[in-house]
PDB file of all heavy atoms in Angstrom:
ATOM      1  N   ALA A   1       0.864  -1.178   0.000  1.00  0.00           N
ATOM      2  CA  ALA A   1       0.000   0.000   0.000  1.00  0.00           C
ATOM      3  C   ALA A   1       0.905   1.233   0.000  1.00  0.00           C
ATOM      4  O   ALA A   1       2.130   1.119   0.028  1.00  0.00           O
ATOM      5  CB  ALA A   1      -0.912  -0.012   1.226  1.00  0.00           C
ATOM      6  N   THR A   2       0.314   2.402  -0.023  1.00  0.00           N
ATOM      7  CA  THR A   2       1.098   3.637  -0.065  1.00  0.00           C
ATOM      8  C   THR A   2       2.103   3.704   1.075  1.00  0.00           C
ATOM      9  O   THR A   2       3.265   4.071   0.872  1.00  0.00           O
ATOM     10  CB  THR A   2       0.158   4.860  -0.008  1.00  0.00           C
ATOM     11  OG1 THR A   2      -0.799   4.739  -1.054  1.00  0.00           O
ATOM     12  CG2 THR A   2       0.932   6.148  -0.163  1.00  0.00           C
ATOM     13  N   CYS A   3       1.684   3.318   2.269  1.00  0.00           N
ATOM     14  CA  CYS A   3       2.587   3.367   3.431  1.00  0.00           C
ATOM     15  C   CYS A   3       3.770   2.422   3.254  1.00  0.00           C
ATOM     16  O   CYS A   3       4.908   2.758   3.577  1.00  0.00           O
ATOM     17  CB  CYS A   3       1.833   3.054   4.720  1.00  0.00           C
ATOM     18  SG  CYS A   3       0.901   1.503   4.674  1.00  0.00           S
ATOM     19  N   GLY A   4       3.527   1.234   2.722  1.00  0.00           N
ATOM     20  CA  GLY A   4       4.594   0.269   2.501  1.00  0.00           C
ATOM     21  C   GLY A   4       5.568   0.722   1.437  1.00  0.00           C
ATOM     22  O   GLY A   4       6.786   0.628   1.602  1.00  0.00           O
ATOM     23  N   ILE A   5       5.036   1.232   0.340  1.00  0.00           N
ATOM     24  CA  ILE A   5       5.891   1.716  -0.739  1.00  0.00           C
ATOM     25  C   ILE A   5       6.748   2.883  -0.255  1.00  0.00           C
ATOM     26  O   ILE A   5       7.951   2.932  -0.514  1.00  0.00           O
ATOM     27  CB  ILE A   5       5.053   2.108  -1.973  1.00  0.00           C
ATOM     28  CG1 ILE A   5       4.407   0.851  -2.577  1.00  0.00           C
ATOM     29  CG2 ILE A   5       5.905   2.835  -3.004  1.00  0.00           C
ATOM     30  CD1 ILE A   5       3.351   1.135  -3.625  1.00  0.00           C
ATOM     31  N   ALA A   6       6.141   3.807   0.480  1.00  0.00           N
ATOM     32  CA  ALA A   6       6.880   4.960   1.004  1.00  0.00           C
ATOM     33  C   ALA A   6       7.985   4.532   1.964  1.00  0.00           C
ATOM     34  O   ALA A   6       9.032   5.172   2.047  1.00  0.00           O
ATOM     35  CB  ALA A   6       5.925   5.927   1.698  1.00  0.00           C
ATOM     36  N   ALA A   7       7.767   3.425   2.674  1.00  0.00           N
ATOM     37  CA  ALA A   7       8.754   2.932   3.644  1.00  0.00           C
ATOM     38  C   ALA A   7       9.831   2.066   2.995  1.00  0.00           C
ATOM     39  O   ALA A   7      10.784   1.666   3.663  1.00  0.00           O
ATOM     40  CB  ALA A   7       8.043   2.151   4.750  1.00  0.00           C
ATOM     41  N   GLY A   8       9.681   1.732   1.697  1.00  0.00           N
ATOM     42  CA  GLY A   8      10.711   0.953   1.010  1.00  0.00           C
ATOM     43  C   GLY A   8      10.336  -0.472   0.674  1.00  0.00           C
ATOM     44  O   GLY A   8      11.211  -1.327   0.524  1.00  0.00           O
ATOM     45  N   ALA A   9       9.052  -0.768   0.512  1.00  0.00           N
ATOM     46  CA  ALA A   9       8.616  -2.139   0.238  1.00  0.00           C
ATOM     47  C   ALA A   9       8.992  -2.626  -1.165  1.00  0.00           C
ATOM     48  O   ALA A   9       9.191  -3.818  -1.364  1.00  0.00           O
ATOM     49  CB  ALA A   9       7.107  -2.265   0.437  1.00  0.00           C
ATOM     50  N   ARG A  10       9.105  -1.710  -2.131  1.00  0.00           N
ATOM     51  CA  ARG A  10       9.392  -2.148  -3.503  1.00  0.00           C
ATOM     52  C   ARG A  10      10.731  -2.877  -3.611  1.00  0.00           C
ATOM     53  O   ARG A  10      10.806  -3.964  -4.181  1.00  0.00           O
ATOM     54  CB  ARG A  10       9.313  -0.972  -4.478  1.00  0.00           C
ATOM     55  CG  ARG A  10       9.313  -1.416  -5.925  1.00  0.00           C
ATOM     56  CD  ARG A  10       8.988  -0.300  -6.889  1.00  0.00           C
ATOM     57  NE  ARG A  10       7.821   0.493  -6.579  1.00  0.00           N
ATOM     58  CZ  ARG A  10       6.554   0.133  -6.820  1.00  0.00           C
ATOM     59  NH1 ARG A  10       6.310  -1.025  -7.373  1.00  0.00           N
ATOM     60  NH2 ARG A  10       5.559   0.928  -6.511  1.00  0.00           N
ATOM     61  N   PRO A  11      11.838  -2.340  -3.047  1.00  0.00           N
ATOM     62  CA  PRO A  11      13.101  -3.083  -3.101  1.00  0.00           C
ATOM     63  C   PRO A  11      13.030  -4.416  -2.338  1.00  0.00           C
ATOM     64  O   PRO A  11      13.679  -5.386  -2.727  1.00  0.00           O
ATOM     65  CB  PRO A  11      14.121  -2.146  -2.456  1.00  0.00           C
ATOM     66  CG  PRO A  11      13.509  -0.792  -2.494  1.00  0.00           C
ATOM     67  CD  PRO A  11      12.030  -0.992  -2.510  1.00  0.00           C
ATOM     68  N   VAL A  12      12.229  -4.455  -1.285  1.00  0.00           N
ATOM     69  CA  VAL A  12      12.051  -5.702  -0.525  1.00  0.00           C
ATOM     70  C   VAL A  12      11.368  -6.738  -1.406  1.00  0.00           C
ATOM     71  O   VAL A  12      11.822  -7.888  -1.500  1.00  0.00           O
ATOM     72  CB  VAL A  12      11.247  -5.446   0.769  1.00  0.00           C
ATOM     73  CG1 VAL A  12      10.886  -6.761   1.455  1.00  0.00           C
ATOM     74  CG2 VAL A  12      12.031  -4.547   1.717  1.00  0.00           C
ATOM     75  N   LEU A  13      10.298  -6.347  -2.076  1.00  0.00           N
ATOM     76  CA  LEU A  13       9.582  -7.254  -2.972  1.00  0.00           C
ATOM     77  C   LEU A  13      10.496  -7.743  -4.089  1.00  0.00           C
ATOM     78  O   LEU A  13      10.565  -8.947  -4.357  1.00  0.00           O
ATOM     79  CB  LEU A  13       8.357  -6.547  -3.559  1.00  0.00           C
ATOM     80  CG  LEU A  13       7.548  -7.336  -4.587  1.00  0.00           C
ATOM     81  CD1 LEU A  13       6.872  -8.534  -3.950  1.00  0.00           C
ATOM     82  CD2 LEU A  13       6.531  -6.436  -5.260  1.00  0.00           C
ATOM     83  N   ASN A  14      11.199  -6.821  -4.728  1.00  0.00           N
ATOM     84  CA  ASN A  14      12.097  -7.197  -5.825  1.00  0.00           C
ATOM     85  C   ASN A  14      13.182  -8.165  -5.348  1.00  0.00           C
ATOM     86  O   ASN A  14      13.494  -9.142  -6.026  1.00  0.00           O
ATOM     87  CB  ASN A  14      12.740  -5.958  -6.444  1.00  0.00           C
ATOM     88  CG  ASN A  14      11.742  -5.099  -7.189  1.00  0.00           C
ATOM     89  OD1 ASN A  14      10.672  -5.559  -7.582  1.00  0.00           O
ATOM     90  ND2 ASN A  14      12.066  -3.836  -7.363  1.00  0.00           N
ATOM     91  N   THR A  15      13.753  -7.899  -4.182  1.00  0.00           N
ATOM     92  CA  THR A  15      14.793  -8.775  -3.634  1.00  0.00           C
ATOM     93  C   THR A  15      14.240 -10.160  -3.335  1.00  0.00           C
ATOM     94  O   THR A  15      14.887 -11.167  -3.637  1.00  0.00           O
ATOM     95  CB  THR A  15      15.413  -8.157  -2.370  1.00  0.00           C
ATOM     96  OG1 THR A  15      16.004  -6.899  -2.724  1.00  0.00           O
ATOM     97  CG2 THR A  15      16.450  -9.063  -1.760  1.00  0.00           C
ATOM     98  N   LEU A  16      13.057 -10.225  -2.746  1.00  0.00           N
ATOM     99  CA  LEU A  16      12.452 -11.527  -2.447  1.00  0.00           C
ATOM    100  C   LEU A  16      12.257 -12.339  -3.722  1.00  0.00           C
ATOM    101  O   LEU A  16      12.597 -13.527  -3.771  1.00  0.00           O
ATOM    102  CB  LEU A  16      11.122 -11.354  -1.716  1.00  0.00           C
ATOM    103  CG  LEU A  16      11.214 -10.929  -0.262  1.00  0.00           C
ATOM    104  CD1 LEU A  16       9.851 -10.490   0.262  1.00  0.00           C
ATOM    105  CD2 LEU A  16      11.765 -12.059   0.597  1.00  0.00           C
ATOM    106  N   VAL A  17      11.720 -11.714  -4.755  1.00  0.00           N
ATOM    107  CA  VAL A  17      11.487 -12.419  -6.020  1.00  0.00           C
ATOM    108  C   VAL A  17      12.808 -12.912  -6.603  1.00  0.00           C
ATOM    109  O   VAL A  17      12.934 -14.080  -6.992  1.00  0.00           O
ATOM    110  CB  VAL A  17      10.742 -11.513  -7.028  1.00  0.00           C
ATOM    111  CG1 VAL A  17      10.707 -12.148  -8.415  1.00  0.00           C
ATOM    112  CG2 VAL A  17       9.336 -11.230  -6.539  1.00  0.00           C
ATOM    113  N   GLU A  18      13.798 -12.034  -6.656  1.00  0.00           N
ATOM    114  CA  GLU A  18      15.092 -12.401  -7.226  1.00  0.00           C
ATOM    115  C   GLU A  18      15.771 -13.516  -6.435  1.00  0.00           C
ATOM    116  O   GLU A  18      16.295 -14.471  -7.015  1.00  0.00           O
ATOM    117  CB  GLU A  18      16.004 -11.178  -7.279  1.00  0.00           C
ATOM    118  CG  GLU A  18      15.578 -10.153  -8.306  1.00  0.00           C
ATOM    119  CD  GLU A  18      16.310  -8.822  -8.190  1.00  0.00           C
ATOM    120  OE1 GLU A  18      17.290  -8.737  -7.415  1.00  0.00           O
ATOM    121  OE2 GLU A  18      15.893  -7.866  -8.871  1.00  0.00           O
ATOM    122  N   GLU A  19      15.765 -13.406  -5.116  1.00  0.00           N
ATOM    123  CA  GLU A  19      16.445 -14.394  -4.284  1.00  0.00           C
ATOM    124  C   GLU A  19      15.727 -15.745  -4.295  1.00  0.00           C
ATOM    125  O   GLU A  19      16.379 -16.789  -4.264  1.00  0.00           O
ATOM    126  CB  GLU A  19      16.601 -13.875  -2.848  1.00  0.00           C
ATOM    127  CG  GLU A  19      17.522 -12.684  -2.720  1.00  0.00           C
ATOM    128  CD  GLU A  19      18.950 -12.973  -3.162  1.00  0.00           C
ATOM    129  OE1 GLU A  19      19.497 -14.023  -2.783  1.00  0.00           O
ATOM    130  OE2 GLU A  19      19.516 -12.134  -3.902  1.00  0.00           O
ATOM    131  N   VAL A  20      14.401 -15.737  -4.332  1.00  0.00           N
ATOM    132  CA  VAL A  20      13.648 -16.994  -4.431  1.00  0.00           C
ATOM    133  C   VAL A  20      14.008 -17.695  -5.736  1.00  0.00           C
ATOM    134  O   VAL A  20      14.242 -18.901  -5.766  1.00  0.00           O
ATOM    135  CB  VAL A  20      12.124 -16.741  -4.321  1.00  0.00           C
ATOM    136  CG1 VAL A  20      11.319 -17.930  -4.837  1.00  0.00           C
ATOM    137  CG2 VAL A  20      11.745 -16.430  -2.879  1.00  0.00           C
ATOM    138  N   ASN A  21      14.081 -16.937  -6.820  1.00  0.00           N
ATOM    139  CA  ASN A  21      14.449 -17.524  -8.115  1.00  0.00           C
ATOM    140  C   ASN A  21      15.891 -18.021  -8.110  1.00  0.00           C
ATOM    141  O   ASN A  21      16.166 -19.116  -8.598  1.00  0.00           O
ATOM    142  CB  ASN A  21      14.230 -16.514  -9.241  1.00  0.00           C
ATOM    143  CG  ASN A  21      12.769 -16.349  -9.578  1.00  0.00           C
ATOM    144  OD1 ASN A  21      11.996 -17.292  -9.527  1.00  0.00           O
ATOM    145  ND2 ASN A  21      12.377 -15.134  -9.894  1.00  0.00           N
ATOM    146  N   LYS A  22      16.820 -17.222  -7.566  1.00  0.00           N
ATOM    147  CA  LYS A  22      18.235 -17.635  -7.503  1.00  0.00           C
ATOM    148  C   LYS A  22      18.411 -18.914  -6.702  1.00  0.00           C
ATOM    149  O   LYS A  22      19.244 -19.751  -7.032  1.00  0.00           O
ATOM    150  CB  LYS A  22      19.081 -16.543  -6.841  1.00  0.00           C
ATOM    151  CG  LYS A  22      19.496 -15.435  -7.732  1.00  0.00           C
ATOM    152  CD  LYS A  22      20.447 -14.512  -6.951  1.00  0.00           C
ATOM    153  CE  LYS A  22      20.530 -13.144  -7.549  1.00  0.00           C
ATOM    154  NZ  LYS A  22      21.315 -12.220  -6.714  1.00  0.00           N
ATOM    155  N   ALA A  23      17.641 -19.031  -5.620  1.00  0.00           N
ATOM    156  CA  ALA A  23      17.756 -20.201  -4.745  1.00  0.00           C
ATOM    157  C   ALA A  23      17.042 -21.422  -5.311  1.00  0.00           C
ATOM    158  O   ALA A  23      17.102 -22.503  -4.724  1.00  0.00           O
ATOM    159  CB  ALA A  23      17.211 -19.864  -3.357  1.00  0.00           C
ATOM    160  N   GLY A  24      16.347 -21.259  -6.424  1.00  0.00           N
ATOM    161  CA  GLY A  24      15.627 -22.387  -7.026  1.00  0.00           C
ATOM    162  C   GLY A  24      14.395 -22.782  -6.248  1.00  0.00           C
ATOM    163  O   GLY A  24      13.953 -23.932  -6.311  1.00  0.00           O
ATOM    164  N   LEU A  25      13.818 -21.836  -5.520  1.00  0.00           N
ATOM    165  CA  LEU A  25      12.650 -22.119  -4.690  1.00  0.00           C
ATOM    166  C   LEU A  25      11.337 -21.741  -5.362  1.00  0.00           C
ATOM    167  O   LEU A  25      10.285 -21.811  -4.735  1.00  0.00           O
ATOM    168  CB  LEU A  25      12.757 -21.349  -3.361  1.00  0.00           C
ATOM    169  CG  LEU A  25      13.942 -21.682  -2.469  1.00  0.00           C
ATOM    170  CD1 LEU A  25      14.010 -20.711  -1.291  1.00  0.00           C
ATOM    171  CD2 LEU A  25      13.847 -23.113  -1.975  1.00  0.00           C
ATOM    172  N   ASP A  26      11.386 -21.350  -6.635  1.00  0.00           N
ATOM    173  CA  ASP A  26      10.204 -20.830  -7.299  1.00  0.00           C
ATOM    174  C   ASP A  26       9.058 -21.836  -7.412  1.00  0.00           C
ATOM    175  O   ASP A  26       7.903 -21.440  -7.523  1.00  0.00           O
ATOM    176  CB  ASP A  26      10.546 -20.232  -8.668  1.00  0.00           C
ATOM    177  CG  ASP A  26      11.347 -21.168  -9.544  1.00  0.00           C
ATOM    178  OD1 ASP A  26      12.176 -21.920  -9.017  1.00  0.00           O
ATOM    179  OD2 ASP A  26      11.135 -21.135 -10.770  1.00  0.00           O
ATOM    180  N   SER A  27       9.329 -23.121  -7.329  1.00  0.00           N
ATOM    181  CA  SER A  27       8.245 -24.103  -7.353  1.00  0.00           C
ATOM    182  C   SER A  27       7.671 -24.337  -5.960  1.00  0.00           C
ATOM    183  O   SER A  27       6.566 -24.844  -5.820  1.00  0.00           O
ATOM    184  CB  SER A  27       8.731 -25.429  -7.937  1.00  0.00           C
ATOM    185  OG  SER A  27       9.729 -25.994  -7.107  1.00  0.00           O
ATOM    186  N   LYS A  28       8.400 -23.928  -4.939  1.00  0.00           N
ATOM    187  CA  LYS A  28       7.994 -24.132  -3.546  1.00  0.00           C
ATOM    188  C   LYS A  28       7.423 -22.863  -2.913  1.00  0.00           C
ATOM    189  O   LYS A  28       6.586 -22.919  -2.024  1.00  0.00           O
ATOM    190  CB  LYS A  28       9.216 -24.602  -2.749  1.00  0.00           C
ATOM    191  CG  LYS A  28       8.971 -24.855  -1.293  1.00  0.00           C
ATOM    192  CD  LYS A  28      10.252 -25.297  -0.601  1.00  0.00           C
ATOM    193  CE  LYS A  28      10.034 -25.428   0.890  1.00  0.00           C
ATOM    194  NZ  LYS A  28      11.254 -25.722   1.612  1.00  0.00           N
ATOM    195  N   VAL A  29       7.892 -21.704  -3.378  1.00  0.00           N
ATOM    196  CA  VAL A  29       7.532 -20.427  -2.757  1.00  0.00           C
ATOM    197  C   VAL A  29       6.842 -19.527  -3.774  1.00  0.00           C
ATOM    198  O   VAL A  29       7.330 -19.345  -4.877  1.00  0.00           O
ATOM    199  CB  VAL A  29       8.796 -19.714  -2.219  1.00  0.00           C
ATOM    200  CG1 VAL A  29       8.444 -18.356  -1.629  1.00  0.00           C
ATOM    201  CG2 VAL A  29       9.512 -20.580  -1.192  1.00  0.00           C
ATOM    202  N   THR A  30       5.707 -18.960  -3.374  1.00  0.00           N
ATOM    203  CA  THR A  30       4.994 -17.980  -4.177  1.00  0.00           C
ATOM    204  C   THR A  30       5.147 -16.624  -3.512  1.00  0.00           C
ATOM    205  O   THR A  30       4.847 -16.474  -2.331  1.00  0.00           O
ATOM    206  CB  THR A  30       3.500 -18.337  -4.275  1.00  0.00           C
ATOM    207  OG1 THR A  30       3.379 -19.630  -4.851  1.00  0.00           O
ATOM    208  CG2 THR A  30       2.757 -17.329  -5.126  1.00  0.00           C
ATOM    209  N   VAL A  31       5.637 -15.627  -4.262  1.00  0.00           N
ATOM    210  CA  VAL A  31       5.803 -14.273  -3.746  1.00  0.00           C
ATOM    211  C   VAL A  31       4.751 -13.394  -4.406  1.00  0.00           C
ATOM    212  O   VAL A  31       4.602 -13.417  -5.625  1.00  0.00           O
ATOM    213  CB  VAL A  31       7.209 -13.718  -4.059  1.00  0.00           C
ATOM    214  CG1 VAL A  31       7.354 -12.298  -3.531  1.00  0.00           C
ATOM    215  CG2 VAL A  31       8.289 -14.615  -3.474  1.00  0.00           C
ATOM    216  N   SER A  32       4.018 -12.630  -3.587  1.00  0.00           N
ATOM    217  CA  SER A  32       3.013 -11.736  -4.146  1.00  0.00           C
ATOM    218  C   SER A  32       2.941 -10.466  -3.314  1.00  0.00           C
ATOM    219  O   SER A  32       3.611 -10.339  -2.289  1.00  0.00           O
ATOM    220  CB  SER A  32       1.646 -12.424  -4.208  1.00  0.00           C
ATOM    221  OG  SER A  32       1.201 -12.759  -2.922  1.00  0.00           O
ATOM    222  N   GLN A  33       2.127  -9.543  -3.771  1.00  0.00           N
ATOM    223  CA  GLN A  33       1.961  -8.295  -3.048  1.00  0.00           C
ATOM    224  C   GLN A  33       0.514  -8.141  -2.641  1.00  0.00           C
ATOM    225  O   GLN A  33      -0.370  -8.756  -3.222  1.00  0.00           O
ATOM    226  CB  GLN A  33       2.421  -7.125  -3.902  1.00  0.00           C
ATOM    227  CG  GLN A  33       1.662  -6.945  -5.186  1.00  0.00           C
ATOM    228  CD  GLN A  33       2.281  -5.875  -6.065  1.00  0.00           C
ATOM    229  OE1 GLN A  33       3.485  -5.721  -6.108  1.00  0.00           O
ATOM    230  NE2 GLN A  33       1.447  -5.139  -6.774  1.00  0.00           N
ATOM    231  N   THR A  34       0.285  -7.316  -1.635  1.00  0.00           N
ATOM    232  CA  THR A  34      -1.062  -7.039  -1.166  1.00  0.00           C
ATOM    233  C   THR A  34      -1.151  -5.570  -0.814  1.00  0.00           C
ATOM    234  O   THR A  34      -0.145  -4.858  -0.833  1.00  0.00           O
ATOM    235  CB  THR A  34      -1.416  -7.937   0.043  1.00  0.00           C
ATOM    236  OG1 THR A  34      -2.810  -7.817   0.327  1.00  0.00           O
ATOM    237  CG2 THR A  34      -0.602  -7.587   1.270  1.00  0.00           C
ATOM    238  N   GLY A  35      -2.309  -5.147  -0.450  1.00  0.00           N
ATOM    239  CA  GLY A  35      -2.512  -3.769  -0.020  1.00  0.00           C
ATOM    240  C   GLY A  35      -2.102  -3.608   1.432  1.00  0.00           C
ATOM    241  O   GLY A  35      -1.193  -4.269   1.917  1.00  0.00           O
ATOM    242  N   CYS A  36      -2.821  -2.772   2.128  1.00  0.00           N
ATOM    243  CA  CYS A  36      -2.481  -2.455   3.516  1.00  0.00           C
ATOM    244  C   CYS A  36      -2.672  -3.663   4.422  1.00  0.00           C
ATOM    245  O   CYS A  36      -3.717  -4.301   4.414  1.00  0.00           O
ATOM    246  CB  CYS A  36      -3.345  -1.301   4.006  1.00  0.00           C
ATOM    247  SG  CYS A  36      -2.907  -0.749   5.659  1.00  0.00           S
ATOM    248  N   ILE A  37      -1.663  -3.954   5.203  1.00  0.00           N
ATOM    249  CA  ILE A  37      -1.725  -5.056   6.164  1.00  0.00           C
ATOM    250  C   ILE A  37      -2.271  -4.554   7.502  1.00  0.00           C
ATOM    251  O   ILE A  37      -2.794  -5.308   8.297  1.00  0.00           O
ATOM    252  CB  ILE A  37      -0.338  -5.726   6.302  1.00  0.00           C
ATOM    253  CG1 ILE A  37       0.013  -6.421   4.978  1.00  0.00           C
ATOM    254  CG2 ILE A  37      -0.310  -6.724   7.463  1.00  0.00           C
ATOM    255  CD1 ILE A  37       1.390  -7.032   4.924  1.00  0.00           C
ATOM    256  N   GLY A  38      -2.165  -3.250   7.740  1.00  0.00           N
ATOM    257  CA  GLY A  38      -2.776  -2.649   8.919  1.00  0.00           C
ATOM    258  C   GLY A  38      -1.831  -2.292  10.044  1.00  0.00           C
ATOM    259  O   GLY A  38      -2.265  -1.894  11.116  1.00  0.00           O
ATOM    260  N   ILE A  39      -0.537  -2.456   9.825  1.00  0.00           N
ATOM    261  CA  ILE A  39       0.438  -2.093  10.862  1.00  0.00           C
ATOM    262  C   ILE A  39       1.485  -1.153  10.257  1.00  0.00           C
ATOM    263  O   ILE A  39       2.664  -1.446  10.198  1.00  0.00           O
ATOM    264  CB  ILE A  39       1.079  -3.343  11.497  1.00  0.00           C
ATOM    265  CG1 ILE A  39       1.587  -4.310  10.427  1.00  0.00           C
ATOM    266  CG2 ILE A  39       0.103  -4.044  12.433  1.00  0.00           C
ATOM    267  CD1 ILE A  39       2.347  -5.518  10.975  1.00  0.00           C
ATOM    268  N   CYS A  40       0.987   0.001   9.835  1.00  0.00           N
ATOM    269  CA  CYS A  40       1.802   0.952   9.064  1.00  0.00           C
ATOM    270  C   CYS A  40       3.079   1.368   9.777  1.00  0.00           C
ATOM    271  O   CYS A  40       4.090   1.623   9.133  1.00  0.00           O
ATOM    272  CB  CYS A  40       0.978   2.190   8.729  1.00  0.00           C
ATOM    273  SG  CYS A  40      -0.506   1.811   7.765  1.00  0.00           S
ATOM    274  N   GLN A  41       3.059   1.436  11.088  1.00  0.00           N
ATOM    275  CA  GLN A  41       4.249   1.862  11.826  1.00  0.00           C
ATOM    276  C   GLN A  41       5.393   0.861  11.731  1.00  0.00           C
ATOM    277  O   GLN A  41       6.525   1.184  12.069  1.00  0.00           O
ATOM    278  CB  GLN A  41       3.915   2.151  13.299  1.00  0.00           C
ATOM    279  CG  GLN A  41       3.546   0.941  14.118  1.00  0.00           C
ATOM    280  CD  GLN A  41       2.066   0.576  14.093  1.00  0.00           C
ATOM    281  OE1 GLN A  41       1.358   0.866  13.134  1.00  0.00           O
ATOM    282  NE2 GLN A  41       1.595  -0.066  15.139  1.00  0.00           N
TER     283      GLN A  41
END
């Protein structure tokens, strides 16, 4: 959500996707995004 993106969630998401693929875990792990989780702080 806006709060997550402002806090730096995009590089976290990109890193998770890249590292899951590098580790060969793509058949075991699904990475996705969602909106607000509710703990903005």
